[in-house]
């Protein structure tokens, strides 16, 4: 027969688990409820380096204009059709659904308003970040769905700047990690995340979960963790 002490310990453990789950749910809701994640990071509203004069603005998946949707689709096609190859036709449909999801959050990169006034051209979308706040192995994370830049602004430090911003947003909202997916065939992206930004292949990536089956998958899941629990679970060997 179970002792009263053991029974009380089990009840306490269950209570702690439920309280932890409730706290994480509230954390994710609070992070997702914010409309403008740049509000607390004003120094990231502009990018003025290496001959670029750009402005950043926030957005939500269910509030995109028709023009912005078209720009997103064009950037995705230009950058990702090559790495996906024959799978792009199917993947493009998936990305279009992800694009307008209510939980999708955006950082848009556009030319500075002064530049637009000078040449009287419409303000183009030169890049964007799409992310969500979600759970991975019971760890609250910022999952980076997309980081896409127009070829005219690549190689000038903008990608690193945007990733620094993403990591700050994750930490400000008490996420345990930033998690993202990269196509194996996209060698430049792999090098950027792993060599330059120190991301690692996560324990939830197919190649780590089942190396034999993972060989057949065309992507890896990478992560950068910010606390011990996330590191143990998402980076574990």
Protein backbone atom coordinates (compact mmCIF):
# COMPACT_ATOMS: atom_id res chain seq x y z
CA UNK A 1 0.00 0.00 0.00
CA UNK A 2 1.33 3.42 -0.96
CA UNK A 3 2.38 5.60 1.99
CA UNK A 4 0.77 8.98 2.54
CA UNK A 5 4.17 10.64 2.06
CA UNK A 6 4.67 9.00 -1.36
CA UNK A 7 1.13 9.93 -2.37
CA UNK A 8 1.67 13.55 -1.31
CA UNK A 9 4.94 13.63 -3.28
CA UNK A 10 3.17 12.42 -6.42
CA UNK A 11 0.46 15.06 -6.00
CA UNK A 12 3.13 17.71 -5.55
CA UNK A 13 4.95 16.56 -8.69
CA UNK A 14 1.72 16.61 -10.69
CA UNK A 15 0.97 20.10 -9.40
CA UNK A 16 4.44 21.31 -10.32
CA UNK A 17 4.10 19.84 -13.83
CA UNK A 18 0.71 21.49 -14.33
CA UNK A 19 1.96 24.82 -12.99
CA UNK A 20 4.98 24.69 -15.28
CA UNK A 21 2.78 23.87 -18.28
CA UNK A 22 0.45 26.75 -17.41
CA UNK A 23 3.38 29.16 -17.07
CA UNK A 24 4.77 28.11 -20.48
CA UNK A 25 1.35 28.48 -22.13
CA UNK A 26 1.06 32.00 -20.69
CA UNK A 27 4.58 32.78 -21.89
CA UNK A 28 3.77 31.75 -25.45
CA UNK A 29 0.46 33.62 -25.45
CA UNK A 30 2.10 36.79 -24.17
CA UNK A 31 4.86 36.61 -26.79
CA UNK A 32 2.41 35.96 -29.63
CA UNK A 33 0.06 38.72 -28.46
CA UNK A 34 2.66 41.43 -29.08
CA UNK A 35 2.02 43.21 -32.37
CA UNK A 36 5.35 45.00 -32.68
CA UNK A 37 8.42 43.20 -31.34
CA UNK A 38 10.56 46.10 -32.54
CA UNK A 39 8.93 48.44 -30.03
CA UNK A 40 11.36 47.48 -27.27
CA UNK A 41 14.32 47.36 -29.67
CA UNK A 42 14.30 50.78 -31.39
CA UNK A 43 17.95 50.52 -32.47
CA UNK A 44 16.91 47.70 -34.82
CA UNK A 45 14.36 49.77 -36.73
CA UNK A 46 17.03 50.91 -39.19
CA UNK A 47 19.97 49.29 -40.94
CA UNK A 48 22.54 51.81 -42.18
CA UNK A 49 25.67 49.92 -43.15
CA UNK A 50 27.74 48.98 -46.18
CA UNK A 51 25.94 51.36 -48.50
CA UNK A 52 22.46 50.28 -47.41
CA UNK A 53 19.86 52.57 -45.85
CA UNK A 54 16.95 50.37 -44.83
CA UNK A 55 14.05 50.43 -42.41
CA UNK A 56 12.47 47.53 -40.54
CA UNK A 57 8.84 47.10 -39.57
CA UNK A 58 6.74 44.42 -37.89
CA UNK A 59 3.81 42.47 -39.33
CA UNK A 60 1.34 39.63 -38.73
CA UNK A 61 0.36 36.79 -41.03
CA UNK A 62 -3.35 37.61 -41.02
CA UNK A 63 -2.78 41.32 -41.75
CA UNK A 64 -0.72 41.17 -44.93
CA UNK A 65 -1.69 43.33 -47.88
CA UNK A 66 -2.05 41.76 -51.32
CA UNK A 67 1.11 43.55 -52.46
CA UNK A 68 3.13 42.27 -49.49
CA UNK A 69 1.92 38.71 -50.07
CA UNK A 70 3.05 38.91 -53.68
CA UNK A 71 6.47 40.27 -52.67
CA UNK A 72 6.90 37.46 -50.14
CA UNK A 73 6.00 34.85 -52.74
CA UNK A 74 8.42 36.37 -55.25
CA UNK A 75 11.31 36.38 -52.76
CA UNK A 76 10.59 32.81 -51.71
CA UNK A 77 10.53 31.62 -55.30
CA UNK A 78 13.72 33.46 -56.23
CA UNK A 79 15.67 32.12 -53.24
CA UNK A 80 14.18 28.68 -52.58
CA UNK A 81 13.16 27.17 -55.92
CA UNK A 82 16.78 26.14 -56.54
CA UNK A 83 17.45 24.42 -53.17
CA UNK A 84 14.09 22.60 -53.23
CA UNK A 85 14.37 21.53 -56.88
CA UNK A 86 11.53 19.28 -58.00
CA UNK A 87 9.89 19.54 -54.56
CA UNK A 88 9.31 23.28 -54.90
CA UNK A 89 5.83 23.05 -56.46
CA UNK A 90 4.52 21.22 -53.38
CA UNK A 91 6.59 23.20 -50.88
CA UNK A 92 5.45 26.53 -52.35
CA UNK A 93 1.84 25.70 -51.47
CA UNK A 94 2.88 24.86 -47.91
CA UNK A 95 4.73 28.14 -47.58
CA UNK A 96 1.75 30.11 -48.89
CA UNK A 97 -0.40 28.63 -46.11
CA UNK A 98 2.27 29.34 -43.50
CA UNK A 99 2.62 32.89 -44.82
CA UNK A 100 -0.90 33.97 -43.78
CA UNK A 101 -1.25 32.00 -40.54
CA UNK A 102 -2.54 34.23 -37.68
CA UNK A 103 0.36 33.13 -35.46
CA UNK A 104 2.99 34.08 -38.06
CA UNK A 105 5.03 37.14 -37.06
CA UNK A 106 7.15 39.20 -39.45
CA UNK A 107 9.99 41.65 -39.65
CA UNK A 108 9.95 43.38 -43.05
CA UNK A 109 12.95 45.12 -44.61
CA UNK A 110 12.27 48.04 -46.93
CA UNK A 111 14.19 50.93 -48.38
CA UNK A 112 14.40 54.05 -46.26
CA UNK A 113 11.53 56.47 -46.93
CA UNK A 114 13.96 59.26 -47.90
CA UNK A 115 15.47 57.05 -50.62
CA UNK A 116 12.00 56.30 -51.96
CA UNK A 117 11.15 60.01 -52.13
CA UNK A 118 14.36 60.76 -54.00
CA UNK A 119 13.80 58.31 -56.84
CA UNK A 120 9.96 58.30 -56.68
CA UNK A 121 9.91 54.47 -56.95
CA UNK A 122 7.51 52.38 -54.85
CA UNK A 123 8.89 50.99 -51.59
CA UNK A 124 10.02 47.44 -52.36
CA UNK A 125 10.23 44.53 -49.94
CA UNK A 126 13.94 43.75 -49.84
CA UNK A 127 13.73 41.04 -47.23
CA UNK A 128 11.72 39.53 -44.42
CA UNK A 129 11.88 37.30 -41.38
CA UNK A 130 8.94 35.06 -40.49
CA UNK A 131 8.77 33.42 -37.07
CA UNK A 132 6.44 31.94 -34.48
CA UNK A 133 6.47 31.21 -30.77
CA UNK A 134 5.85 27.53 -30.15
CA UNK A 135 6.88 24.40 -28.22
CA UNK A 136 9.61 21.94 -29.17
CA UNK A 137 10.01 19.01 -26.77
CA UNK A 138 8.11 21.05 -24.15
CA UNK A 139 10.61 23.90 -24.49
CA UNK A 140 9.20 27.33 -25.48
CA UNK A 141 11.09 28.46 -28.57
CA UNK A 142 11.08 31.06 -31.30
CA UNK A 143 10.86 28.99 -34.48
CA UNK A 144 12.32 30.83 -37.45
CA UNK A 145 10.31 29.87 -40.53
CA UNK A 146 11.96 32.16 -43.06
CA UNK A 147 14.86 34.55 -43.49
CA UNK A 148 14.78 35.79 -47.09
CA UNK A 149 16.77 38.63 -48.63
CA UNK A 150 16.74 40.11 -52.10
CA UNK A 151 20.01 39.46 -53.96
CA UNK A 152 20.74 43.23 -53.99
CA UNK A 153 21.13 43.33 -50.17
CA UNK A 154 22.86 40.00 -49.59
CA UNK A 155 26.45 39.79 -48.37
CA UNK A 156 26.32 43.15 -46.57
CA UNK A 157 25.74 42.10 -42.97
CA UNK A 158 21.95 42.39 -43.08
CA UNK A 159 21.34 38.68 -42.50
CA UNK A 160 23.50 38.65 -39.37
CA UNK A 161 21.80 41.84 -38.16
CA UNK A 162 18.36 40.23 -38.56
CA UNK A 163 19.47 37.08 -36.74
CA UNK A 164 20.79 39.18 -33.85
CA UNK A 165 17.35 40.79 -33.75
CA UNK A 166 15.58 37.41 -33.82
CA UNK A 167 17.72 36.14 -30.94
CA UNK A 168 17.03 39.27 -28.89
CA UNK A 169 13.28 38.91 -29.49
CA UNK A 170 13.50 35.29 -28.34
CA UNK A 171 15.41 36.17 -25.18
CA UNK A 172 13.23 39.19 -24.35
CA UNK A 173 10.21 36.89 -24.50
CA UNK A 174 11.97 34.25 -22.36
CA UNK A 175 12.17 31.60 -25.05
CA UNK A 176 14.63 28.77 -24.42
CA UNK A 177 16.02 28.75 -27.95
CA UNK A 178 15.80 29.81 -31.56
CA UNK A 179 15.05 26.83 -33.82
CA UNK A 180 15.09 26.77 -37.62
CA UNK A 181 15.07 24.41 -40.60
CA UNK A 182 17.64 24.51 -43.42
CA UNK A 183 17.74 22.56 -46.67
CA UNK A 184 20.87 20.40 -46.85
CA UNK A 185 21.39 21.51 -50.44
CA UNK A 186 21.53 25.16 -49.32
CA UNK A 187 25.24 25.10 -48.47
CA UNK A 188 25.52 28.88 -48.10
CA UNK A 189 22.72 28.95 -45.51
CA UNK A 190 24.24 25.98 -43.65
CA UNK A 191 27.60 27.74 -43.48
CA UNK A 192 25.97 31.00 -42.39
CA UNK A 193 24.09 29.45 -39.47
CA UNK A 194 26.64 26.90 -38.30
CA UNK A 195 30.00 28.55 -38.95
CA UNK A 196 29.12 32.23 -38.62
CA UNK A 197 26.30 32.23 -36.07
CA UNK A 198 27.27 29.09 -34.08
CA UNK A 199 24.00 27.21 -34.46
CA UNK A 200 24.15 23.43 -34.00
CA UNK A 201 22.24 20.49 -35.44
CA UNK A 202 19.46 19.86 -32.91
CA UNK A 203 18.65 16.59 -31.22
CA UNK A 204 15.21 16.82 -32.91
CA UNK A 205 16.74 16.96 -36.41
CA UNK A 206 16.09 13.80 -38.50
CA UNK A 207 19.81 13.04 -38.75
CA UNK A 208 20.06 12.98 -34.93
CA UNK A 209 16.78 11.22 -34.20
CA UNK A 210 17.50 8.35 -36.60
CA UNK A 211 20.73 8.67 -38.61
CA UNK A 212 19.72 5.95 -41.08
CA UNK A 213 16.33 7.50 -41.83
CA UNK A 214 17.77 11.01 -41.55
CA UNK A 215 19.99 10.43 -44.58
CA UNK A 216 16.85 10.35 -46.71
CA UNK A 217 15.61 13.70 -45.39
CA UNK A 218 16.63 16.82 -47.30
CA UNK A 219 16.80 19.14 -44.30
CA UNK A 220 18.36 19.67 -40.90
CA UNK A 221 16.89 21.36 -37.83
CA UNK A 222 19.32 23.76 -36.19
CA UNK A 223 19.14 25.55 -32.86
CA UNK A 224 20.79 28.03 -30.56
CA UNK A 225 19.83 27.62 -26.89
CA UNK A 226 19.73 30.23 -24.13
CA UNK A 227 19.33 28.21 -20.94
CA UNK A 228 20.45 24.92 -19.44
CA UNK A 229 17.17 23.03 -19.83
CA UNK A 230 16.88 23.95 -23.51
CA UNK A 231 20.52 22.99 -24.08
CA UNK A 232 20.11 19.58 -22.45
CA UNK A 233 16.94 18.76 -24.39
CA UNK A 234 17.50 20.39 -27.78
CA UNK A 235 21.26 19.83 -28.09
CA UNK A 236 21.54 16.46 -26.32
CA UNK A 237 23.70 13.86 -28.09
